[in-house]
């Protein structure tokens, strides 16, 4: 279902989505907080029907501040947190006529890639509930894939939009760093965090980018770069476009069915006139992606969440003094996985460790980005399979383990966060009835070119508007 299908008879359409969400919640466990839509619908009725998101129900990852609506980031410590303001992107959605539909589950504070680490429990994959949705934006991906809503917001720090998009068979788009304001979004790692979204087609992704992008003086990392008419300028003519296949990733994928699917798509792009070449990066650099990411991300997370102490923010546990209150609140408020990350982050920020751990990781990050940039100087985009496997069962998920088998293929999309380059995953086919995807990355602020290439891929795969829940009759 596409955005355009929701611009008429708002009350009826939102009502149907609400009824569907109650059934989907039992299957997916993707929603943390249901939102009352009645006042929003009445407000939208008074707005201009030509607005780009007029009457469109949009699910919101639970780390976006929503005024008067509980926002937990799927953490027990924030179970009672109700923001007094909207994140900038939430305000933009409202101004464009959107209906805030529900707050969706995520890995706690965004820290994870499986959506197993949420206070409300595992989010199930719409195609097979025994498997994971991917994370940390798994709840949003699952709702779009199930056909409950046409759009859902997410955030991406390592591959937290693009990996769930691959596992759930939807479009997951992380634009350039600074393209969309992060103001009002509960952070994970500030130098890696990106705001993005899930849709069922490239056309809707272009429209969403147009609505969400732009400078925000509340976020000094947001860009002054002009916001283009991305949807109007969509053009799937890719004749002469230079596409680089990241050979390191494809060579490390053991499932030949995924490789064959990828090669079939590439052949179709070549028939359209694209110039496709295979490139490689230094394998050692790619193998450092995950450890460098973990050092930087955990250190930044430790600093960002120092205010979650049971005193200034969050639920509070009793104690005999301030220190005991903080210890008890954090012990009960955070999962063991998140506490582990804070310990690692704190360790790398110790004065005696900063130079040999945190600063060194930052230097290696720069070396990685420089090599990646050199590739994109010669090509319009870099392309590879988004994941080396279909969505795994929980016990089989690699997560952030240093897996020798999939160290590169599982983690290469971190390149998009370290560089800040725009990156998009879209479905490319199915293996064992489960979706698989392709990831495409372009130069900074070259979103239009990226969307155009992805539109061509979408036309070749025929998976536009495909959902696990089937066709949604309006």
Protein backbone atom coordinates (compact mmCIF):
# COMPACT_ATOMS: atom_id res chain seq x y z
CA UNK A 1 0.00 0.00 0.00
CA UNK A 2 1.29 3.38 -1.02
CA UNK A 3 0.99 6.81 0.57
CA UNK A 4 -1.27 8.02 -2.22
CA UNK A 5 -3.93 5.46 -1.27
CA UNK A 6 -4.46 7.14 2.09
CA UNK A 7 -5.15 10.71 1.04
CA UNK A 8 -8.93 10.25 0.82
CA UNK A 9 -11.45 9.26 3.52
CA UNK A 10 -8.95 9.66 6.33
CA UNK A 11 -11.19 8.42 9.14
CA UNK A 12 -12.09 5.20 7.31
CA UNK A 13 -8.52 4.42 6.32
CA UNK A 14 -7.01 5.08 9.75
CA UNK A 15 -9.79 3.06 11.34
CA UNK A 16 -9.00 0.07 9.14
CA UNK A 17 -5.29 0.35 9.96
CA UNK A 18 -6.13 0.51 13.66
CA UNK A 19 -8.23 -2.65 13.41
CA UNK A 20 -5.45 -4.38 11.49
CA UNK A 21 -2.84 -3.27 14.04
CA UNK A 22 -4.68 -5.04 16.88
CA UNK A 23 -4.47 -8.32 14.98
CA UNK A 24 -0.90 -7.66 13.88
CA UNK A 25 0.23 -6.91 17.42
CA UNK A 26 -0.65 -10.43 18.52
CA UNK A 27 1.42 -11.79 15.66
CA UNK A 28 4.37 -9.38 15.69
CA UNK A 29 4.65 -7.75 19.15
CA UNK A 30 5.84 -4.65 17.28
CA UNK A 31 3.97 -1.88 19.13
CA UNK A 32 4.96 -0.37 22.47
CA UNK A 33 2.27 2.32 22.75
CA UNK A 34 -1.02 2.64 20.85
CA UNK A 35 -1.94 6.27 20.10
CA UNK A 36 -5.44 7.74 20.11
CA UNK A 37 -6.18 9.00 16.59
CA UNK A 38 -9.51 10.81 17.06
CA UNK A 39 -8.14 14.29 17.80
CA UNK A 40 -5.50 13.96 15.10
CA UNK A 41 -8.10 12.99 12.50
CA UNK A 42 -10.24 16.01 13.36
CA UNK A 43 -7.19 18.28 13.12
CA UNK A 44 -6.19 16.82 9.75
CA UNK A 45 -9.69 17.34 8.34
CA UNK A 46 -9.10 21.08 8.73
CA UNK A 47 -5.82 20.94 6.79
CA UNK A 48 -5.14 21.28 3.06
CA UNK A 49 -5.92 17.91 1.36
CA UNK A 50 -3.03 18.49 -1.06
CA UNK A 51 -0.45 18.15 1.71
CA UNK A 52 2.05 15.39 0.89
CA UNK A 53 1.13 13.17 3.87
CA UNK A 54 -2.51 14.20 4.27
CA UNK A 55 -4.21 11.60 6.47
CA UNK A 56 -1.35 9.09 6.18
CA UNK A 57 -0.87 6.92 9.32
CA UNK A 58 2.82 6.70 10.20
CA UNK A 59 4.32 4.45 12.88
CA UNK A 60 7.06 6.06 14.98
CA UNK A 61 10.08 4.29 16.45
CA UNK A 62 9.91 4.72 20.21
CA UNK A 63 13.02 6.88 20.46
CA UNK A 64 11.38 9.91 18.78
CA UNK A 65 10.07 12.41 21.32
CA UNK A 66 6.33 12.81 20.85
CA UNK A 67 4.66 15.51 22.95
CA UNK A 68 2.26 14.01 25.49
CA UNK A 69 2.87 10.45 24.26
CA UNK A 70 4.94 7.98 26.25
CA UNK A 71 8.40 7.48 24.74
CA UNK A 72 10.42 4.63 26.25
CA UNK A 73 13.13 3.73 23.70
CA UNK A 74 12.09 0.18 24.72
CA UNK A 75 13.95 0.58 28.02
CA UNK A 76 12.50 -0.05 31.46
CA UNK A 77 14.26 3.03 32.85
CA UNK A 78 12.16 5.25 30.54
CA UNK A 79 8.91 3.38 31.07
CA UNK A 80 7.24 6.47 32.60
CA UNK A 81 8.80 9.13 30.33
CA UNK A 82 6.31 11.43 28.57
CA UNK A 83 8.03 14.18 26.51
CA UNK A 84 6.87 17.80 26.67
CA UNK A 85 7.91 18.52 23.07
CA UNK A 86 8.00 16.95 19.61
CA UNK A 87 11.17 15.99 17.78
CA UNK A 88 11.71 18.24 14.75
CA UNK A 89 10.92 15.44 12.32
CA UNK A 90 7.68 14.65 14.19
CA UNK A 91 6.63 18.28 13.81
CA UNK A 92 7.42 18.10 10.09
CA UNK A 93 5.28 14.98 9.73
CA UNK A 94 2.36 16.65 11.51
CA UNK A 95 2.70 19.79 9.39
CA UNK A 96 2.56 17.60 6.28
CA UNK A 97 -0.76 16.11 7.41
CA UNK A 98 0.41 12.79 8.88
CA UNK A 99 -1.35 10.85 11.63
CA UNK A 100 0.97 9.54 14.37
CA UNK A 101 -0.22 5.93 14.44
CA UNK A 102 1.75 4.07 17.14
CA UNK A 103 5.13 3.95 18.89
CA UNK A 104 7.12 0.91 17.78
CA UNK A 105 9.45 -1.51 19.52
CA UNK A 106 13.22 -1.29 19.16
CA UNK A 107 16.37 -2.73 20.66
CA UNK A 108 16.78 -0.99 24.01
CA UNK A 109 18.08 2.57 23.42
CA UNK A 110 18.89 1.48 19.87
CA UNK A 111 21.67 -0.81 21.09
CA UNK A 112 21.39 -3.98 19.05
CA UNK A 113 20.68 -5.43 15.64
CA UNK A 114 18.09 -8.11 16.36
CA UNK A 115 15.17 -6.45 18.21
CA UNK A 116 15.53 -9.18 20.82
CA UNK A 117 16.76 -6.63 23.34
CA UNK A 118 13.52 -4.70 23.94
CA UNK A 119 11.84 -4.29 27.32
CA UNK A 120 8.59 -5.53 25.73
CA UNK A 121 10.20 -8.62 24.19
CA UNK A 122 11.13 -9.96 20.76
CA UNK A 123 9.62 -8.48 17.60
CA UNK A 124 8.57 -11.25 15.20
CA UNK A 125 9.27 -11.36 11.49
CA UNK A 126 6.04 -10.96 9.48
CA UNK A 127 7.04 -13.77 7.10
CA UNK A 128 7.90 -16.26 9.85
CA UNK A 129 7.14 -15.34 13.47
CA UNK A 130 9.79 -17.75 14.75
CA UNK A 131 12.47 -15.54 13.16
CA UNK A 132 13.79 -12.08 14.04
CA UNK A 133 12.78 -8.83 12.39
CA UNK A 134 16.26 -7.37 12.67
CA UNK A 135 16.99 -4.23 14.63
CA UNK A 136 17.19 -1.84 16.16
CA UNK A 137 14.23 -0.48 14.18
CA UNK A 138 12.52 -3.87 13.94
CA UNK A 139 9.08 -2.81 15.14
CA UNK A 140 8.78 -0.17 12.44
CA UNK A 141 10.01 -2.53 9.72
CA UNK A 142 7.60 -5.27 10.78
CA UNK A 143 4.52 -3.01 10.73
CA UNK A 144 5.27 -1.76 7.21
CA UNK A 145 6.06 -5.29 6.00
CA UNK A 146 2.81 -6.62 7.45
CA UNK A 147 0.86 -3.90 5.62
CA UNK A 148 -0.40 -2.20 8.79
CA UNK A 149 0.95 1.23 7.79
CA UNK A 150 2.52 2.53 4.57
CA UNK A 151 5.37 4.33 6.36
CA UNK A 152 7.28 4.03 9.62
CA UNK A 153 10.10 6.13 11.08
CA UNK A 154 13.37 4.60 12.23
CA UNK A 155 16.93 5.45 13.17
CA UNK A 156 20.13 3.91 11.87
CA UNK A 157 23.44 3.90 13.79
CA UNK A 158 25.08 0.80 12.27
CA UNK A 159 22.49 -0.68 9.92
CA UNK A 160 19.41 -0.38 12.12
CA UNK A 161 17.05 0.59 9.29
CA UNK A 162 18.69 -1.19 6.39
CA UNK A 163 19.16 -4.66 7.94
CA UNK A 164 15.53 -4.96 9.19
CA UNK A 165 14.41 -3.76 5.74
CA UNK A 166 16.28 -6.71 4.20
CA UNK A 167 14.88 -9.24 6.68
CA UNK A 168 11.31 -7.93 6.37
CA UNK A 169 11.24 -7.20 2.63
CA UNK A 170 10.62 -3.43 2.60
CA UNK A 171 12.44 -0.27 1.56
CA UNK A 172 14.70 1.10 4.32
CA UNK A 173 16.35 4.47 3.67
CA UNK A 174 19.07 6.24 5.67
CA UNK A 175 19.83 9.60 3.99
CA UNK A 176 23.08 11.57 4.32
CA UNK A 177 24.18 12.52 7.84
CA UNK A 178 22.65 15.91 8.58
CA UNK A 179 20.05 15.63 5.82
CA UNK A 180 17.31 15.08 8.47
CA UNK A 181 17.39 16.73 11.91
CA UNK A 182 18.08 14.51 14.93
CA UNK A 183 16.71 17.07 17.40
CA UNK A 184 14.34 15.37 19.83
CA UNK A 185 15.52 11.85 18.98
CA UNK A 186 16.86 9.88 21.95
CA UNK A 187 20.46 9.25 20.83
CA UNK A 188 22.65 6.21 20.69
CA UNK A 189 25.92 7.46 19.20
CA UNK A 190 25.75 11.05 17.96
CA UNK A 191 28.40 10.85 15.24
CA UNK A 192 26.79 7.73 13.74
CA UNK A 193 23.03 8.27 14.30
CA UNK A 194 20.84 8.92 11.25
CA UNK A 195 17.08 9.46 11.00
CA UNK A 196 15.34 7.51 8.24
CA UNK A 197 12.23 5.53 7.41
CA UNK A 198 10.60 2.42 5.94
CA UNK A 199 8.21 2.37 2.98
CA UNK A 200 6.89 -0.20 0.51
CA UNK A 201 8.22 1.58 -2.57
CA UNK A 202 10.89 4.01 -3.78
CA UNK A 203 8.31 6.63 -4.78
CA UNK A 204 7.12 6.91 -1.17
CA UNK A 205 10.72 7.02 0.06
CA UNK A 206 11.33 10.02 -2.20
CA UNK A 207 8.24 11.78 -0.86
CA UNK A 208 9.20 11.08 2.75
CA UNK A 209 12.69 12.47 2.21
CA UNK A 210 11.24 15.66 0.78
CA UNK A 211 9.04 16.10 3.86
CA UNK A 212 11.67 15.23 6.49
CA UNK A 213 14.83 16.83 5.08
CA UNK A 214 16.08 20.34 5.77
CA UNK A 215 18.08 22.57 8.05
CA UNK A 216 17.07 22.77 11.71
CA UNK A 217 18.72 25.31 14.00
CA UNK A 218 18.01 23.01 16.95
CA UNK A 219 20.43 20.50 15.44
CA UNK A 220 23.72 22.15 14.51
CA UNK A 221 24.81 19.05 12.56
CA UNK A 222 21.84 19.45 10.18
CA UNK A 223 22.72 20.64 6.70
CA UNK A 224 21.86 23.79 4.75
CA UNK A 225 21.94 21.70 1.55
CA UNK A 226 18.94 22.43 -0.68
CA UNK A 227 16.03 19.99 -0.42
CA UNK A 228 15.18 18.74 -3.91
CA UNK A 229 11.86 17.64 -5.39
CA UNK A 230 12.89 14.01 -5.02
CA UNK A 231 9.58 12.42 -5.99
CA UNK A 232 8.96 14.64 -9.00
CA UNK A 233 12.52 14.11 -10.24
CA UNK A 234 12.47 10.30 -10.00
CA UNK A 235 13.91 8.82 -13.17
CA UNK A 236 14.71 5.14 -13.62
CA UNK A 237 16.81 5.66 -16.75
CA UNK A 238 20.22 4.42 -15.62
CA UNK A 239 21.98 4.33 -18.98
CA UNK A 240 25.63 5.24 -18.40
CA UNK A 241 25.38 5.06 -14.62
CA UNK A 242 28.52 3.53 -13.10
CA UNK A 243 27.78 0.92 -10.43
CA UNK A 244 30.46 -0.69 -8.25
CA UNK A 245 29.87 -4.14 -6.75
CA UNK A 246 31.66 -4.42 -3.40
CA UNK A 247 33.41 -7.72 -4.07
CA UNK A 248 34.56 -8.27 -0.48
CA UNK A 249 30.95 -8.62 0.64
CA UNK A 250 29.77 -10.87 -2.18
CA UNK A 251 32.77 -13.18 -1.84
CA UNK A 252 32.02 -13.75 1.85
CA UNK A 253 28.38 -14.82 1.35
CA UNK A 254 28.06 -18.61 1.57
CA UNK A 255 24.40 -18.92 0.54
CA UNK A 256 24.61 -19.30 -3.24
CA UNK A 257 20.89 -18.55 -3.63
CA UNK A 258 21.45 -15.01 -2.33
CA UNK A 259 24.45 -14.55 -4.62
CA UNK A 260 22.46 -15.85 -7.62
CA UNK A 261 19.60 -13.45 -6.88
CA UNK A 262 22.05 -10.56 -6.69
CA UNK A 263 23.71 -11.52 -9.97
CA UNK A 264 20.33 -11.73 -11.71
CA UNK A 265 19.51 -8.18 -10.64
CA UNK A 266 22.92 -6.96 -11.80
CA UNK A 267 22.41 -8.53 -15.24
CA UNK A 268 19.09 -6.69 -15.59
CA UNK A 269 20.76 -3.40 -14.67
CA UNK A 270 23.43 -4.00 -17.31
CA UNK A 271 20.70 -4.64 -19.90
CA UNK A 272 19.27 -1.23 -18.94
CA UNK A 273 22.59 0.33 -19.89
CA UNK A 274 24.32 0.60 -16.53
CA UNK A 275 28.10 0.14 -16.41
CA UNK A 276 28.83 -2.41 -13.69
CA UNK A 277 32.31 -3.12 -12.35
CA UNK A 278 33.61 -5.07 -9.39
CA UNK A 279 35.75 -3.32 -6.78
CA UNK A 280 37.44 -4.36 -3.56
CA UNK A 281 38.45 -2.57 -0.40
CA UNK A 282 41.31 -3.53 1.88
CA UNK A 283 39.97 -6.65 3.61
CA UNK A 284 41.75 -5.81 6.87
CA UNK A 285 40.04 -2.42 6.98
CA UNK A 286 36.63 -4.02 6.47
CA UNK A 287 37.36 -6.49 9.26
CA UNK A 288 38.00 -3.57 11.62
CA UNK A 289 34.56 -2.05 10.93
CA UNK A 290 32.76 -3.80 13.80
CA UNK A 291 35.39 -3.33 16.53
CA UNK A 292 35.91 0.34 15.58
CA UNK A 293 32.16 0.86 15.50
CA UNK A 294 31.70 -0.73 18.93
CA UNK A 295 34.42 1.38 20.53
CA UNK A 296 33.08 4.66 19.15
CA UNK A 297 29.38 3.86 19.54
CA UNK A 298 29.62 2.56 23.10
CA UNK A 299 31.77 5.50 24.21
CA UNK A 300 29.33 8.02 22.74
CA UNK A 301 26.36 6.12 24.19
CA UNK A 302 27.95 6.15 27.63
CA UNK A 303 28.25 9.94 27.48
CA UNK A 304 24.80 10.47 25.93
CA UNK A 305 22.95 8.43 28.54
CA UNK A 306 24.73 9.60 31.68
CA UNK A 307 21.52 11.50 32.57
CA UNK A 308 19.53 8.26 32.85
CA UNK A 309 20.20 7.88 36.54
CA UNK A 310 16.76 7.65 38.17
CA UNK A 311 17.16 11.22 39.43
CA UNK A 312 17.00 13.51 36.41
CA UNK A 313 15.24 11.08 34.07
CA UNK A 314 13.50 7.72 34.26
CA UNK A 315 12.03 5.43 36.85
CA UNK A 316 13.60 5.59 40.30
CA UNK A 317 14.49 2.80 42.71
CA UNK A 318 14.87 3.46 46.43
CA UNK A 319 18.27 3.82 48.06
CA UNK A 320 19.87 5.17 51.22
CA UNK A 321 21.75 7.91 49.37
CA UNK A 322 22.11 9.43 45.91
CA UNK A 323 24.74 6.93 44.77
CA UNK A 324 22.66 3.95 45.87
CA UNK A 325 19.56 5.37 44.15
CA UNK A 326 21.51 5.67 40.90
CA UNK A 327 23.02 2.17 41.19
CA UNK A 328 19.66 0.54 41.95
CA UNK A 329 17.82 2.49 39.26
CA UNK A 330 20.34 1.67 36.55
CA UNK A 331 20.66 -1.97 37.62
CA UNK A 332 16.91 -2.53 37.33
CA UNK A 333 16.30 0.01 34.57
CA UNK A 334 18.81 -1.30 32.02
CA UNK A 335 19.13 -4.79 30.57
CA UNK A 336 22.40 -6.67 31.07
CA UNK A 337 23.27 -6.10 27.39
CA UNK A 338 23.00 -2.32 27.73
CA UNK A 339 24.91 -2.27 31.03
CA UNK A 340 27.69 -4.21 29.29
CA UNK A 341 27.87 -1.56 26.57
CA UNK A 342 28.10 1.22 29.13
CA UNK A 343 30.95 -0.59 30.90
CA UNK A 344 32.83 -0.94 27.60
CA UNK A 345 32.13 2.68 26.66
CA UNK A 346 33.23 3.96 30.03
CA UNK A 347 36.43 1.92 29.86
CA UNK A 348 37.44 3.44 26.52
CA UNK A 349 36.78 6.94 27.89
CA UNK A 350 39.06 6.57 30.91
CA UNK A 351 41.80 9.17 30.58
CA UNK A 352 44.50 6.50 30.39
CA UNK A 353 42.57 4.63 27.64
CA UNK A 354 41.34 7.46 25.44
CA UNK A 355 44.44 7.64 23.26
CA UNK A 356 44.97 3.91 22.78
CA UNK A 357 41.28 3.04 22.30
CA UNK A 358 38.85 5.87 21.53
CA UNK A 359 41.22 8.19 19.63
CA UNK A 360 42.76 5.28 17.75
CA UNK A 361 39.28 4.07 16.72
CA UNK A 362 38.49 7.55 15.41
CA UNK A 363 41.71 7.55 13.36
CA UNK A 364 40.95 4.13 11.89
CA UNK A 365 37.44 5.33 11.06
CA UNK A 366 38.95 8.15 9.02
CA UNK A 367 41.20 5.73 7.11
CA UNK A 368 38.19 3.49 6.31
CA UNK A 369 36.07 6.44 5.13
CA UNK A 370 38.90 7.80 2.97
CA UNK A 371 39.20 4.49 1.11
CA UNK A 372 35.42 4.25 0.69
CA UNK A 373 35.29 7.81 -0.62
CA UNK A 374 37.89 7.00 -3.28
CA UNK A 375 35.61 4.28 -4.67
CA UNK A 376 32.60 6.58 -4.82
CA UNK A 377 34.62 9.26 -6.60
CA UNK A 378 34.68 6.92 -9.62
CA UNK A 379 31.15 5.50 -9.41
CA UNK A 380 27.54 6.62 -8.97
CA UNK A 381 26.91 4.02 -6.26
CA UNK A 382 28.27 0.98 -4.45
CA UNK A 383 26.03 -2.08 -4.32
CA UNK A 384 25.99 -5.45 -2.49
CA UNK A 385 23.58 -7.89 -0.90
CA UNK A 386 22.20 -6.30 2.27
CA UNK A 387 22.58 -9.44 4.39
CA UNK A 388 24.40 -12.76 3.92
CA UNK A 389 21.45 -14.82 5.17
CA UNK A 390 17.69 -14.77 5.39
CA UNK A 391 16.25 -13.57 8.72
CA UNK A 392 17.66 -15.99 11.30
CA UNK A 393 16.03 -17.60 14.30
CA UNK A 394 16.99 -15.89 17.58
CA UNK A 395 19.45 -18.60 18.56
CA UNK A 396 21.18 -18.32 15.18
CA UNK A 397 21.46 -14.53 15.00
CA UNK A 398 25.01 -13.24 14.80
CA UNK A 399 24.24 -9.83 16.30
CA UNK A 400 27.51 -8.04 16.97
CA UNK A 401 29.67 -11.10 17.51
CA UNK A 402 33.08 -11.20 15.85
CA UNK A 403 31.99 -13.93 13.43
CA UNK A 404 34.83 -15.11 11.19
CA UNK A 405 32.27 -16.29 8.64
CA UNK A 406 30.27 -13.09 8.29
CA UNK A 407 32.45 -10.37 9.83
CA UNK A 408 32.40 -8.39 6.58
CA UNK A 409 29.06 -9.39 5.03
CA UNK A 410 27.10 -8.83 8.26
CA UNK A 411 28.66 -5.48 9.10
CA UNK A 412 29.66 -3.72 5.87
CA UNK A 413 26.66 -1.36 6.01
CA UNK A 414 28.37 0.37 8.95
CA UNK A 415 30.32 2.08 6.15
CA UNK A 416 27.25 4.24 5.55
CA UNK A 417 27.25 5.44 9.15
CA UNK A 418 30.98 6.02 9.46
CA UNK A 419 30.98 8.01 6.21
CA UNK A 420 27.53 9.57 6.59
CA UNK A 421 26.75 8.66 2.96
CA UNK A 422 23.12 8.00 1.93
CA UNK A 423 22.29 4.30 1.85
CA UNK A 424 19.13 2.37 0.98
CA UNK A 425 18.06 -1.27 1.18
CA UNK A 426 15.24 -2.61 -0.99
CA UNK A 427 13.84 -6.11 -1.54
CA UNK A 428 15.31 -8.16 -4.38
CA UNK A 429 13.60 -11.54 -4.04
CA UNK A 430 12.90 -14.49 -1.76
CA UNK A 431 14.74 -17.52 -0.44
CA UNK A 432 12.68 -20.23 1.29
CA UNK A 433 9.74 -17.81 1.20
CA UNK A 434 11.67 -15.20 3.15
CA UNK A 435 12.72 -11.82 1.72
CA UNK A 436 16.28 -10.85 0.83
CA UNK A 437 17.52 -7.40 -0.11
CA UNK A 438 20.11 -5.32 -1.94
CA UNK A 439 21.90 -2.33 -0.40
CA UNK A 440 22.88 0.71 -2.47
CA UNK A 441 25.06 3.61 -1.26
CA UNK A 442 25.85 6.88 -3.03
CA UNK A 443 27.89 10.06 -2.49
CA UNK A 444 26.97 12.54 0.23
CA UNK A 445 23.75 14.44 -0.58
CA UNK A 446 23.36 12.52 -3.85
CA UNK A 447 20.01 11.11 -2.73
CA UNK A 448 18.33 11.82 -6.06
CA UNK A 449 20.82 9.69 -7.96
CA UNK A 450 20.51 6.95 -5.33
CA UNK A 451 16.70 6.94 -5.53
CA UNK A 452 16.81 6.85 -9.35
CA UNK A 453 19.07 3.78 -9.38
CA UNK A 454 16.93 2.07 -6.74
CA UNK A 455 13.80 2.84 -8.76
CA UNK A 456 15.34 0.95 -11.69
CA UNK A 457 16.09 -2.01 -9.40
CA UNK A 458 12.52 -1.93 -8.06
CA UNK A 459 11.11 -2.02 -11.58
CA UNK A 460 13.23 -5.06 -12.39
CA UNK A 461 12.35 -7.01 -9.24
CA UNK A 462 8.63 -6.19 -9.44
CA UNK A 463 8.43 -5.96 -5.65
CA UNK A 464 6.99 -2.46 -5.39
CA UNK A 465 4.30 -2.30 -2.72
CA UNK A 466 4.74 -5.95 -1.72
CA UNK A 467 3.83 -6.86 1.87
CA UNK A 468 3.67 -10.06 3.92
CA UNK A 469 0.05 -9.28 4.77
CA UNK A 470 -0.85 -9.25 1.08
CA UNK A 471 -2.79 -6.53 -0.70
CA UNK A 472 -4.53 -4.08 1.61
CA UNK A 473 -7.97 -3.21 0.28
CA UNK A 474 -9.05 0.39 0.86
